[in-house]
Amino acid sequence: MSDANIDRLADVIGTFLNRAAQQPVTVWATLREDTYETLFGDGYYAYLDKVFDSPIAALGRSNEPRGDWVKLHVRRYEISVSSKQPVLSPEPSESEPVTVKDVVEKMLRAGII
């Protein structure tokens, strides 16, 4: 990645965080569960799949056909800034290990920010 692209990316993320500092930014995410592991392995874990700017888009993704052992869950998150640090709410659980970094990366890839 060129220096110009890195600078542009930093500007985009900085603008987004400034917006989140003024008012929480709401996003909807799909989390991917491997139901085979839930039933026969280590238990329930769901990992960030995609992030959307509308609940309808997230629900549409969760209803798309997929393999027999995959289930998608829709979650609503808010990103805000507290003490100059981005915060994800509700706080992720051990079984749904979502981070602000993961959400922001998925938002960038989806063109949301």
PDB file of N, CA and C in Angstrom:
ATOM      1  N   MET A   1       0.853  -1.174   0.000  1.00  0.00           N
ATOM      2  CA  MET A   1       0.000   0.000   0.000  1.00  0.00           C
ATOM      3  C   MET A   1       0.901   1.239   0.000  1.00  0.00           C
ATOM      4  N   SER A   2       0.589   2.169  -0.867  1.00  0.00           N
ATOM      5  CA  SER A   2       1.408   3.379  -0.983  1.00  0.00           C
ATOM      6  C   SER A   2       1.168   4.311   0.202  1.00  0.00           C
ATOM      7  N   ASP A   3       2.105   5.237   0.385  1.00  0.00           N
ATOM      8  CA  ASP A   3       1.966   6.229   1.454  1.00  0.00           C
ATOM      9  C   ASP A   3       0.698   7.050   1.276  1.00  0.00           C
ATOM     10  N   ALA A   4       0.365   7.387   0.027  1.00  0.00           N
ATOM     11  CA  ALA A   4      -0.853   8.170  -0.243  1.00  0.00           C
ATOM     12  C   ALA A   4      -2.099   7.397   0.169  1.00  0.00           C
ATOM     13  N   ASN A   5      -2.111   6.092  -0.112  1.00  0.00           N
ATOM     14  CA  ASN A   5      -3.259   5.264   0.284  1.00  0.00           C
ATOM     15  C   ASN A   5      -3.363   5.132   1.799  1.00  0.00           C
ATOM     16  N   ILE A   6      -2.217   5.026   2.449  1.00  0.00           N
ATOM     17  CA  ILE A   6      -2.211   4.940   3.918  1.00  0.00           C
ATOM     18  C   ILE A   6      -2.727   6.246   4.515  1.00  0.00           C
ATOM     19  N   ASP A   7      -2.280   7.380   3.957  1.00  0.00           N
ATOM     20  CA  ASP A   7      -2.754   8.682   4.440  1.00  0.00           C
ATOM     21  C   ASP A   7      -4.254   8.829   4.230  1.00  0.00           C
ATOM     22  N   ARG A   8      -4.758   8.395   3.069  1.00  0.00           N
ATOM     23  CA  ARG A   8      -6.192   8.474   2.783  1.00  0.00           C
ATOM     24  C   ARG A   8      -6.974   7.593   3.755  1.00  0.00           C
ATOM     25  N   LEU A   9      -6.483   6.389   3.994  1.00  0.00           N
ATOM     26  CA  LEU A   9      -7.129   5.478   4.927  1.00  0.00           C
ATOM     27  C   LEU A   9      -7.164   6.075   6.331  1.00  0.00           C
ATOM     28  N   ALA A  10      -6.079   6.671   6.753  1.00  0.00           N
ATOM     29  CA  ALA A  10      -6.022   7.317   8.070  1.00  0.00           C
ATOM     30  C   ALA A  10      -7.028   8.453   8.159  1.00  0.00           C
ATOM     31  N   ASP A  11      -7.159   9.227   7.074  1.00  0.00           N
ATOM     32  CA  ASP A  11      -8.145  10.316   7.051  1.00  0.00           C
ATOM     33  C   ASP A  11      -9.571   9.783   7.161  1.00  0.00           C
ATOM     34  N   VAL A  12      -9.867   8.708   6.428  1.00  0.00           N
ATOM     35  CA  VAL A  12     -11.212   8.119   6.448  1.00  0.00           C
ATOM     36  C   VAL A  12     -11.538   7.609   7.844  1.00  0.00           C
ATOM     37  N   ILE A  13     -10.614   6.885   8.439  1.00  0.00           N
ATOM     38  CA  ILE A  13     -10.850   6.349   9.787  1.00  0.00           C
ATOM     39  C   ILE A  13     -10.939   7.479  10.800  1.00  0.00           C
ATOM     40  N   GLY A  14     -10.103   8.496  10.665  1.00  0.00           N
ATOM     41  CA  GLY A  14     -10.154   9.645  11.568  1.00  0.00           C
ATOM     42  C   GLY A  14     -11.488  10.365  11.473  1.00  0.00           C
ATOM     43  N   THR A  15     -11.978  10.575  10.270  1.00  0.00           N
ATOM     44  CA  THR A  15     -13.288  11.215  10.069  1.00  0.00           C
ATOM     45  C   THR A  15     -14.392  10.379  10.701  1.00  0.00           C
ATOM     46  N   PHE A  16     -14.320   9.052  10.494  1.00  0.00           N
ATOM     47  CA  PHE A  16     -15.312   8.158  11.084  1.00  0.00           C
ATOM     48  C   PHE A  16     -15.296   8.238  12.611  1.00  0.00           C
ATOM     49  N   LEU A  17     -14.108   8.227  13.202  1.00  0.00           N
ATOM     50  CA  LEU A  17     -14.018   8.275  14.664  1.00  0.00           C
ATOM     51  C   LEU A  17     -14.495   9.622  15.203  1.00  0.00           C
ATOM     52  N   ASN A  18     -14.245  10.700  14.473  1.00  0.00           N
ATOM     53  CA  ASN A  18     -14.780  12.004  14.880  1.00  0.00           C
ATOM     54  C   ASN A  18     -16.304  11.980  14.881  1.00  0.00           C
ATOM     55  N   ARG A  19     -16.883  11.346  13.870  1.00  0.00           N
ATOM     56  CA  ARG A  19     -18.346  11.208  13.809  1.00  0.00           C
ATOM     57  C   ARG A  19     -18.854  10.372  14.989  1.00  0.00           C
ATOM     58  N   ALA A  20     -18.161   9.279  15.292  1.00  0.00           N
ATOM     59  CA  ALA A  20     -18.567   8.412  16.408  1.00  0.00           C
ATOM     60  C   ALA A  20     -18.416   9.120  17.751  1.00  0.00           C
ATOM     61  N   ALA A  21     -17.487  10.071  17.834  1.00  0.00           N
ATOM     62  CA  ALA A  21     -17.310  10.832  19.074  1.00  0.00           C
ATOM     63  C   ALA A  21     -18.488  11.773  19.298  1.00  0.00           C
ATOM     64  N   GLN A  22     -19.094  12.262  18.216  1.00  0.00           N
ATOM     65  CA  GLN A  22     -20.238  13.166  18.318  1.00  0.00           C
ATOM     66  C   GLN A  22     -21.527  12.413  18.642  1.00  0.00           C
ATOM     67  N   GLN A  23     -21.693  11.263  18.016  1.00  0.00           N
ATOM     68  CA  GLN A  23     -22.909  10.465  18.181  1.00  0.00           C
ATOM     69  C   GLN A  23     -22.564   9.020  17.825  1.00  0.00           C
ATOM     70  N   PRO A  24     -23.013   8.039  18.623  1.00  0.00           N
ATOM     71  CA  PRO A  24     -22.704   6.646  18.296  1.00  0.00           C
ATOM     72  C   PRO A  24     -23.156   6.277  16.886  1.00  0.00           C
ATOM     73  N   VAL A  25     -22.336   5.469  16.228  1.00  0.00           N
ATOM     74  CA  VAL A  25     -22.642   4.981  14.889  1.00  0.00           C
ATOM     75  C   VAL A  25     -23.189   3.564  15.030  1.00  0.00           C
ATOM     76  N   THR A  26     -24.382   3.337  14.496  1.00  0.00           N
ATOM     77  CA  THR A  26     -25.018   2.027  14.588  1.00  0.00           C
ATOM     78  C   THR A  26     -24.747   1.236  13.321  1.00  0.00           C
ATOM     79  N   VAL A  27     -24.356  -0.017  13.495  1.00  0.00           N
ATOM     80  CA  VAL A  27     -24.170  -0.947  12.382  1.00  0.00           C
ATOM     81  C   VAL A  27     -24.814  -2.279  12.753  1.00  0.00           C
ATOM     82  N   TRP A  28     -25.114  -3.051  11.736  1.00  0.00           N
ATOM     83  CA  TRP A  28     -25.646  -4.395  11.946  1.00  0.00           C
ATOM     84  C   TRP A  28     -24.653  -5.361  11.344  1.00  0.00           C
ATOM     85  N   ALA A  29     -24.444  -6.460  12.027  1.00  0.00           N
ATOM     86  CA  ALA A  29     -23.451  -7.431  11.584  1.00  0.00           C
ATOM     87  C   ALA A  29     -24.067  -8.815  11.521  1.00  0.00           C
ATOM     88  N   THR A  30     -23.503  -9.629  10.637  1.00  0.00           N
ATOM     89  CA  THR A  30     -23.829 -11.044  10.666  1.00  0.00           C
ATOM     90  C   THR A  30     -22.628 -11.757  11.278  1.00  0.00           C
ATOM     91  N   LEU A  31     -22.928 -12.671  12.174  1.00  0.00           N
ATOM     92  CA  LEU A  31     -21.906 -13.503  12.805  1.00  0.00           C
ATOM     93  C   LEU A  31     -22.100 -14.925  12.308  1.00  0.00           C
ATOM     94  N   ARG A  32     -21.015 -15.576  11.981  1.00  0.00           N
ATOM     95  CA  ARG A  32     -21.045 -16.922  11.402  1.00  0.00           C
ATOM     96  C   ARG A  32     -20.764 -17.966  12.474  1.00  0.00           C
ATOM     97  N   GLU A  33     -21.736 -18.845  12.671  1.00  0.00           N
ATOM     98  CA  GLU A  33     -21.593 -19.945  13.627  1.00  0.00           C
ATOM     99  C   GLU A  33     -21.375 -21.253  12.871  1.00  0.00           C
ATOM    100  N   ASP A  34     -20.399 -22.032  13.305  1.00  0.00           N
ATOM    101  CA  ASP A  34     -20.197 -23.388  12.803  1.00  0.00           C
ATOM    102  C   ASP A  34     -21.007 -24.302  13.728  1.00  0.00           C
ATOM    103  N   THR A  35     -22.207 -24.699  13.288  1.00  0.00           N
ATOM    104  CA  THR A  35     -23.108 -25.451  14.169  1.00  0.00           C
ATOM    105  C   THR A  35     -22.580 -26.847  14.485  1.00  0.00           C
ATOM    106  N   TYR A  36     -21.721 -27.398  13.631  1.00  0.00           N
ATOM    107  CA  TYR A  36     -21.113 -28.689  13.945  1.00  0.00           C
ATOM    108  C   TYR A  36     -20.263 -28.556  15.205  1.00  0.00           C
ATOM    109  N   GLU A  37     -19.442 -27.492  15.256  1.00  0.00           N
ATOM    110  CA  GLU A  37     -18.621 -27.243  16.443  1.00  0.00           C
ATOM    111  C   GLU A  37     -19.488 -26.969  17.672  1.00  0.00           C
ATOM    112  N   THR A  38     -20.590 -26.250  17.468  1.00  0.00           N
ATOM    113  CA  THR A  38     -21.485 -25.965  18.584  1.00  0.00           C
ATOM    114  C   THR A  38     -22.025 -27.265  19.168  1.00  0.00           C
ATOM    115  N   LEU A  39     -22.432 -28.176  18.295  1.00  0.00           N
ATOM    116  CA  LEU A  39     -23.029 -29.438  18.752  1.00  0.00           C
ATOM    117  C   LEU A  39     -22.005 -30.453  19.245  1.00  0.00           C
ATOM    118  N   PHE A  40     -20.893 -30.589  18.535  1.00  0.00           N
ATOM    119  CA  PHE A  40     -19.967 -31.692  18.813  1.00  0.00           C
ATOM    120  C   PHE A  40     -18.568 -31.256  19.238  1.00  0.00           C
ATOM    121  N   GLY A  41     -18.308 -29.969  19.242  1.00  0.00           N
ATOM    122  CA  GLY A  41     -16.960 -29.481  19.544  1.00  0.00           C
ATOM    123  C   GLY A  41     -16.891 -28.708  20.838  1.00  0.00           C
ATOM    124  N   ASP A  42     -16.311 -27.516  20.755  1.00  0.00           N
ATOM    125  CA  ASP A  42     -16.045 -26.689  21.931  1.00  0.00           C
ATOM    126  C   ASP A  42     -17.225 -25.840  22.381  1.00  0.00           C
ATOM    127  N   GLY A  43     -18.359 -25.942  21.708  1.00  0.00           N
ATOM    128  CA  GLY A  43     -19.508 -25.140  22.085  1.00  0.00           C
ATOM    129  C   GLY A  43     -19.755 -24.007  21.108  1.00  0.00           C
ATOM    130  N   TYR A  44     -20.631 -23.092  21.506  1.00  0.00           N
ATOM    131  CA  TYR A  44     -21.055 -22.005  20.632  1.00  0.00           C
ATOM    132  C   TYR A  44     -19.997 -20.926  20.505  1.00  0.00           C
ATOM    133  N   TYR A  45     -19.624 -20.639  19.264  1.00  0.00           N
ATOM    134  CA  TYR A  45     -18.784 -19.497  18.912  1.00  0.00           C
ATOM    135  C   TYR A  45     -19.285 -18.962  17.584  1.00  0.00           C
ATOM    136  N   ALA A  46     -19.379 -17.646  17.476  1.00  0.00           N
ATOM    137  CA  ALA A  46     -19.790 -17.015  16.226  1.00  0.00           C
ATOM    138  C   ALA A  46     -18.823 -15.871  15.936  1.00  0.00           C
ATOM    139  N   TYR A  47     -18.342 -15.826  14.710  1.00  0.00           N
ATOM    140  CA  TYR A  47     -17.323 -14.867  14.316  1.00  0.00           C
ATOM    141  C   TYR A  47     -17.876 -13.887  13.286  1.00  0.00           C
ATOM    142  N   LEU A  48     -17.357 -12.680  13.306  1.00  0.00           N
ATOM    143  CA  LEU A  48     -17.824 -11.632  12.417  1.00  0.00           C
ATOM    144  C   LEU A  48     -17.722 -12.062  10.964  1.00  0.00           C
ATOM    145  N   ASP A  49     -18.842 -11.948  10.265  1.00  0.00           N
ATOM    146  CA  ASP A  49     -18.927 -12.313   8.853  1.00  0.00           C
ATOM    147  C   ASP A  49     -18.891 -11.049   8.005  1.00  0.00           C
ATOM    148  N   LYS A  50     -19.931 -10.232   8.110  1.00  0.00           N
ATOM    149  CA  LYS A  50     -20.038  -8.985   7.346  1.00  0.00           C
ATOM    150  C   LYS A  50     -20.721  -7.925   8.198  1.00  0.00           C
ATOM    151  N   VAL A  51     -20.527  -6.670   7.802  1.00  0.00           N
ATOM    152  CA  VAL A  51     -21.137  -5.528   8.496  1.00  0.00           C
ATOM    153  C   VAL A  51     -21.971  -4.749   7.489  1.00  0.00           C
ATOM    154  N   PHE A  52     -23.128  -4.257   7.958  1.00  0.00           N
ATOM    155  CA  PHE A  52     -24.071  -3.539   7.101  1.00  0.00           C
ATOM    156  C   PHE A  52     -24.522  -2.258   7.785  1.00  0.00           C
ATOM    157  N   ASP A  53     -25.000  -1.322   6.964  1.00  0.00           N
ATOM    158  CA  ASP A  53     -25.506  -0.074   7.529  1.00  0.00           C
ATOM    159  C   ASP A  53     -27.018  -0.079   7.690  1.00  0.00           C
ATOM    160  N   SER A  54     -27.659  -1.224   7.435  1.00  0.00           N
ATOM    161  CA  SER A  54     -29.109  -1.321   7.647  1.00  0.00           C
ATOM    162  C   SER A  54     -29.455  -2.713   8.158  1.00  0.00           C
ATOM    163  N   PRO A  55     -30.489  -2.790   8.989  1.00  0.00           N
ATOM    164  CA  PRO A  55     -30.894  -4.105   9.485  1.00  0.00           C
ATOM    165  C   PRO A  55     -31.467  -4.976   8.374  1.00  0.00           C
ATOM    166  N   ILE A  56     -32.094  -4.358   7.387  1.00  0.00           N
ATOM    167  CA  ILE A  56     -32.682  -5.129   6.280  1.00  0.00           C
ATOM    168  C   ILE A  56     -31.593  -5.854   5.497  1.00  0.00           C
ATOM    169  N   ALA A  57     -30.486  -5.174   5.235  1.00  0.00           N
ATOM    170  CA  ALA A  57     -29.377  -5.806   4.515  1.00  0.00           C
ATOM    171  C   ALA A  57     -28.788  -6.960   5.325  1.00  0.00           C
ATOM    172  N   ALA A  58     -28.644  -6.768   6.619  1.00  0.00           N
ATOM    173  CA  ALA A  58     -28.100  -7.832   7.473  1.00  0.00           C
ATOM    174  C   ALA A  58     -29.041  -9.029   7.517  1.00  0.00           C
ATOM    175  N   LEU A  59     -30.330  -8.774   7.636  1.00  0.00           N
ATOM    176  CA  LEU A  59     -31.303  -9.870   7.638  1.00  0.00           C
ATOM    177  C   LEU A  59     -31.313 -10.591   6.296  1.00  0.00           C
ATOM    178  N   GLY A  60     -31.175  -9.828   5.213  1.00  0.00           N
ATOM    179  CA  GLY A  60     -31.101 -10.452   3.893  1.00  0.00           C
ATOM    180  C   GLY A  60     -29.914 -11.385   3.791  1.00  0.00           C
ATOM    181  N   ARG A  61     -28.765 -10.951   4.299  1.00  0.00           N
ATOM    182  CA  ARG A  61     -27.569 -11.795   4.290  1.00  0.00           C
ATOM    183  C   ARG A  61     -27.792 -13.045   5.138  1.00  0.00           C
ATOM    184  N   SER A  62     -28.440 -12.885   6.286  1.00  0.00           N
ATOM    185  CA  SER A  62     -28.622 -14.033   7.181  1.00  0.00           C
ATOM    186  C   SER A  62     -29.567 -15.064   6.586  1.00  0.00           C
ATOM    187  N   ASN A  63     -30.402 -14.660   5.638  1.00  0.00           N
ATOM    188  CA  ASN A  63     -31.349 -15.586   5.012  1.00  0.00           C
ATOM    189  C   ASN A  63     -30.833 -16.198   3.716  1.00  0.00           C
ATOM    190  N   GLU A  64     -29.619 -15.836   3.300  1.00  0.00           N
ATOM    191  CA  GLU A  64     -29.050 -16.423   2.086  1.00  0.00           C
ATOM    192  C   GLU A  64     -28.747 -17.900   2.329  1.00  0.00           C
ATOM    193  N   PRO A  65     -28.878 -18.720   1.278  1.00  0.00           N
ATOM    194  CA  PRO A  65     -28.548 -20.148   1.428  1.00  0.00           C
ATOM    195  C   PRO A  65     -27.076 -20.331   1.786  1.00  0.00           C
ATOM    196  N   ARG A  66     -26.799 -21.314   2.614  1.00  0.00           N
ATOM    197  CA  ARG A  66     -25.432 -21.630   3.002  1.00  0.00           C
ATOM    198  C   ARG A  66     -25.358 -23.114   3.360  1.00  0.00           C
ATOM    199  N   GLY A  67     -24.208 -23.572   3.743  1.00  0.00           N
ATOM    200  CA  GLY A  67     -24.006 -24.982   4.060  1.00  0.00           C
ATOM    201  C   GLY A  67     -24.835 -25.459   5.244  1.00  0.00           C
ATOM    202  N   ASP A  68     -24.932 -26.764   5.351  1.00  0.00           N
ATOM    203  CA  ASP A  68     -25.733 -27.376   6.407  1.00  0.00           C
ATOM    204  C   ASP A  68     -25.248 -27.041   7.807  1.00  0.00           C
ATOM    205  N   TRP A  69     -23.966 -26.796   7.964  1.00  0.00           N
ATOM    206  CA  TRP A  69     -23.404 -26.605   9.293  1.00  0.00           C
ATOM    207  C   TRP A  69     -23.087 -25.147   9.601  1.00  0.00           C
ATOM    208  N   VAL A  70     -23.686 -24.229   8.869  1.00  0.00           N
ATOM    209  CA  VAL A  70     -23.431 -22.807   9.080  1.00  0.00           C
ATOM    210  C   VAL A  70     -24.739 -22.100   9.405  1.00  0.00           C
ATOM    211  N   LYS A  71     -24.700 -21.274  10.433  1.00  0.00           N
ATOM    212  CA  LYS A  71     -25.850 -20.453  10.799  1.00  0.00           C
ATOM    213  C   LYS A  71     -25.349 -19.026  10.988  1.00  0.00           C
ATOM    214  N   LEU A  72     -26.085 -18.062  10.444  1.00  0.00           N
ATOM    215  CA  LEU A  72     -25.719 -16.660  10.610  1.00  0.00           C
ATOM    216  C   LEU A  72     -26.658 -15.996  11.608  1.00  0.00           C
ATOM    217  N   HIS A  73     -26.083 -15.185  12.472  1.00  0.00           N
ATOM    218  CA  HIS A  73     -26.834 -14.448  13.484  1.00  0.00           C
ATOM    219  C   HIS A  73     -26.669 -12.958  13.212  1.00  0.00           C
ATOM    220  N   VAL A  74     -27.727 -12.191  13.399  1.00  0.00           N
ATOM    221  CA  VAL A  74     -27.658 -10.740  13.203  1.00  0.00           C
ATOM    222  C   VAL A  74     -27.504 -10.069  14.562  1.00  0.00           C
ATOM    223  N   ARG A  75     -26.557  -9.159  14.644  1.00  0.00           N
ATOM    224  CA  ARG A  75     -26.326  -8.400  15.870  1.00  0.00           C
ATOM    225  C   ARG A  75     -26.262  -6.915  15.536  1.00  0.00           C
ATOM    226  N   ARG A  76     -26.756  -6.105  16.452  1.00  0.00           N
ATOM    227  CA  ARG A  76     -26.694  -4.648  16.320  1.00  0.00           C
ATOM    228  C   ARG A  76     -25.583  -4.163  17.238  1.00  0.00           C
ATOM    229  N   TYR A  77     -24.700  -3.323  16.699  1.00  0.00           N
ATOM    230  CA  TYR A  77     -23.619  -2.756  17.485  1.00  0.00           C
ATOM    231  C   TYR A  77     -23.618  -1.240  17.330  1.00  0.00           C
ATOM    232  N   GLU A  78     -23.129  -0.577  18.345  1.00  0.00           N
ATOM    233  CA  GLU A  78     -22.882   0.857  18.284  1.00  0.00           C
ATOM    234  C   GLU A  78     -21.401   1.088  18.529  1.00  0.00           C
ATOM    235  N   ILE A  79     -20.830   1.955  17.709  1.00  0.00           N
ATOM    236  CA  ILE A  79     -19.443   2.358  17.906  1.00  0.00           C
ATOM    237  C   ILE A  79     -19.467   3.805  18.373  1.00  0.00           C
ATOM    238  N   SER A  80     -18.833   4.032  19.503  1.00  0.00           N
ATOM    239  CA  SER A  80     -18.733   5.380  20.046  1.00  0.00           C
ATOM    240  C   SER A  80     -17.278   5.598  20.463  1.00  0.00           C
ATOM    241  N   VAL A  81     -17.011   6.777  20.975  1.00  0.00           N
ATOM    242  CA  VAL A  81     -15.658   7.099  21.433  1.00  0.00           C
ATOM    243  C   VAL A  81     -15.745   7.511  22.890  1.00  0.00           C
ATOM    244  N   SER A  82     -14.923   6.894  23.721  1.00  0.00           N
ATOM    245  CA  SER A  82     -14.852   7.226  25.138  1.00  0.00           C
ATOM    246  C   SER A  82     -13.377   7.373  25.505  1.00  0.00           C
ATOM    247  N   SER A  83     -13.038   8.471  26.125  1.00  0.00           N
ATOM    248  CA  SER A  83     -11.637   8.752  26.479  1.00  0.00           C
ATOM    249  C   SER A  83     -10.719   8.611  25.261  1.00  0.00           C
ATOM    250  N   LYS A  84     -11.196   9.106  24.125  1.00  0.00           N
ATOM    251  CA  LYS A  84     -10.460   9.112  22.862  1.00  0.00           C
ATOM    252  C   LYS A  84     -10.194   7.721  22.295  1.00  0.00           C
ATOM    253  N   GLN A  85     -10.913   6.710  22.796  1.00  0.00           N
ATOM    254  CA  GLN A  85     -10.767   5.345  22.297  1.00  0.00           C
ATOM    255  C   GLN A  85     -12.099   4.863  21.740  1.00  0.00           C
ATOM    256  N   PRO A  86     -12.096   4.176  20.589  1.00  0.00           N
ATOM    257  CA  PRO A  86     -13.348   3.629  20.065  1.00  0.00           C
ATOM    258  C   PRO A  86     -13.842   2.486  20.954  1.00  0.00           C
ATOM    259  N   VAL A  87     -15.166   2.460  21.141  1.00  0.00           N
ATOM    260  CA  VAL A  87     -15.791   1.471  22.019  1.00  0.00           C
ATOM    261  C   VAL A  87     -16.926   0.798  21.266  1.00  0.00           C
ATOM    262  N   LEU A  88     -17.042  -0.515  21.415  1.00  0.00           N
ATOM    263  CA  LEU A  88     -18.113  -1.280  20.797  1.00  0.00           C
ATOM    264  C   LEU A  88     -19.131  -1.648  21.859  1.00  0.00           C
ATOM    265  N   SER A  89     -20.397  -1.419  21.546  1.00  0.00           N
ATOM    266  CA  SER A  89     -21.463  -1.724  22.496  1.00  0.00           C
ATOM    267  C   SER A  89     -22.575  -2.462  21.754  1.00  0.00           C
ATOM    268  N   PRO A  90     -23.135  -3.529  22.310  1.00  0.00           N
ATOM    269  CA  PRO A  90     -22.779  -4.107  23.598  1.00  0.00           C
ATOM    270  C   PRO A  90     -21.392  -4.735  23.547  1.00  0.00           C
ATOM    271  N   GLU A  91     -20.812  -4.845  24.720  1.00  0.00           N
ATOM    272  CA  GLU A  91     -19.480  -5.413  24.822  1.00  0.00           C
ATOM    273  C   GLU A  91     -19.507  -6.860  24.339  1.00  0.00           C
ATOM    274  N   PRO A  92     -18.586  -7.221  23.456  1.00  0.00           N
ATOM    275  CA  PRO A  92     -18.567  -8.585  22.923  1.00  0.00           C
ATOM    276  C   PRO A  92     -18.335  -9.630  24.016  1.00  0.00           C
ATOM    277  N   SER A  93     -18.893 -10.799  23.791  1.00  0.00           N
ATOM    278  CA  SER A  93     -18.709 -11.901  24.733  1.00  0.00           C
ATOM    279  C   SER A  93     -17.596 -12.819  24.229  1.00  0.00           C
ATOM    280  N   GLU A  94     -17.171 -13.723  25.075  1.00  0.00           N
ATOM    281  CA  GLU A  94     -16.132 -14.672  24.696  1.00  0.00           C
ATOM    282  C   GLU A  94     -16.592 -15.549  23.528  1.00  0.00           C
ATOM    283  N   SER A  95     -17.877 -15.857  23.482  1.00  0.00           N
ATOM    284  CA  SER A  95     -18.384 -16.726  22.419  1.00  0.00           C
ATOM    285  C   SER A  95     -18.692 -15.971  21.126  1.00  0.00           C
ATOM    286  N   GLU A  96     -18.679 -14.640  21.185  1.00  0.00           N
ATOM    287  CA  GLU A  96     -18.847 -13.790  20.005  1.00  0.00           C
ATOM    288  C   GLU A  96     -17.754 -12.720  20.043  1.00  0.00           C
ATOM    289  N   PRO A  97     -16.510 -13.118  19.760  1.00  0.00           N
ATOM    290  CA  PRO A  97     -15.356 -12.231  19.932  1.00  0.00           C
ATOM    291  C   PRO A  97     -15.205 -11.189  18.817  1.00  0.00           C
ATOM    292  N   VAL A  98     -16.050 -10.190  18.840  1.00  0.00           N
ATOM    293  CA  VAL A  98     -16.033  -9.114  17.842  1.00  0.00           C
ATOM    294  C   VAL A  98     -15.272  -7.935  18.430  1.00  0.00           C
ATOM    295  N   THR A  99     -14.407  -7.324  17.632  1.00  0.00           N
ATOM    296  CA  THR A  99     -13.653  -6.160  18.099  1.00  0.00           C
ATOM    297  C   THR A  99     -13.997  -4.935  17.252  1.00  0.00           C
ATOM    298  N   VAL A 100     -13.725  -3.754  17.791  1.00  0.00           N
ATOM    299  CA  VAL A 100     -13.925  -2.520  17.029  1.00  0.00           C
ATOM    300  C   VAL A 100     -13.088  -2.570  15.761  1.00  0.00           C
ATOM    301  N   LYS A 101     -11.859  -3.031  15.875  1.00  0.00           N
ATOM    302  CA  LYS A 101     -10.968  -3.119  14.715  1.00  0.00           C
ATOM    303  C   LYS A 101     -11.596  -3.984  13.623  1.00  0.00           C
ATOM    304  N   ASP A 102     -12.126  -5.146  13.992  1.00  0.00           N
ATOM    305  CA  ASP A 102     -12.768  -6.036  13.016  1.00  0.00           C
ATOM    306  C   ASP A 102     -13.953  -5.351  12.339  1.00  0.00           C
ATOM    307  N   VAL A 103     -14.783  -4.676  13.128  1.00  0.00           N
ATOM    308  CA  VAL A 103     -15.971  -4.018  12.586  1.00  0.00           C
ATOM    309  C   VAL A 103     -15.564  -2.904  11.626  1.00  0.00           C
ATOM    310  N   VAL A 104     -14.593  -2.082  12.014  1.00  0.00           N
ATOM    311  CA  VAL A 104     -14.159  -0.977  11.158  1.00  0.00           C
ATOM    312  C   VAL A 104     -13.548  -1.516   9.866  1.00  0.00           C
ATOM    313  N   GLU A 105     -12.750  -2.581   9.942  1.00  0.00           N
ATOM    314  CA  GLU A 105     -12.184  -3.180   8.725  1.00  0.00           C
ATOM    315  C   GLU A 105     -13.286  -3.663   7.792  1.00  0.00           C
ATOM    316  N   LYS A 106     -14.304  -4.318   8.344  1.00  0.00           N
ATOM    317  CA  LYS A 106     -15.420  -4.811   7.519  1.00  0.00           C
ATOM    318  C   LYS A 106     -16.217  -3.633   6.950  1.00  0.00           C
ATOM    319  N   MET A 107     -16.350  -2.547   7.713  1.00  0.00           N
ATOM    320  CA  MET A 107     -17.029  -1.367   7.205  1.00  0.00           C
ATOM    321  C   MET A 107     -16.278  -0.763   6.024  1.00  0.00           C
ATOM    322  N   LEU A 108     -14.955  -0.716   6.128  1.00  0.00           N
ATOM    323  CA  LEU A 108     -14.131  -0.214   5.030  1.00  0.00           C
ATOM    324  C   LEU A 108     -14.308  -1.075   3.782  1.00  0.00           C
ATOM    325  N   ARG A 109     -14.239  -2.392   3.953  1.00  0.00           N
ATOM    326  CA  ARG A 109     -14.387  -3.312   2.814  1.00  0.00           C
ATOM    327  C   ARG A 109     -15.764  -3.198   2.176  1.00  0.00           C
ATOM    328  N   ALA A 110     -16.780  -2.937   2.993  1.00  0.00           N
ATOM    329  CA  ALA A 110     -18.151  -2.833   2.476  1.00  0.00           C
ATOM    330  C   ALA A 110     -18.457  -1.459   1.908  1.00  0.00           C
ATOM    331  N   GLY A 111     -17.535  -0.516   2.082  1.00  0.00           N
ATOM    332  CA  GLY A 111     -17.765   0.833   1.573  1.00  0.00           C
ATOM    333  C   GLY A 111     -18.696   1.657   2.430  1.00  0.00           C
ATOM    334  N   ILE A 112     -18.896   1.252   3.675  1.00  0.00           N
ATOM    335  CA  ILE A 112     -19.759   2.005   4.595  1.00  0.00           C
ATOM    336  C   ILE A 112     -19.063   3.260   5.071  1.00  0.00           C
ATOM    337  N   ILE A 113     -17.737   3.177   5.233  1.00  0.00           N
ATOM    338  CA  ILE A 113     -16.951   4.373   5.583  1.00  0.00           C
ATOM    339  C   ILE A 113     -15.818   4.505   4.577  1.00  0.00           C
TER     340      ILE A 113
END
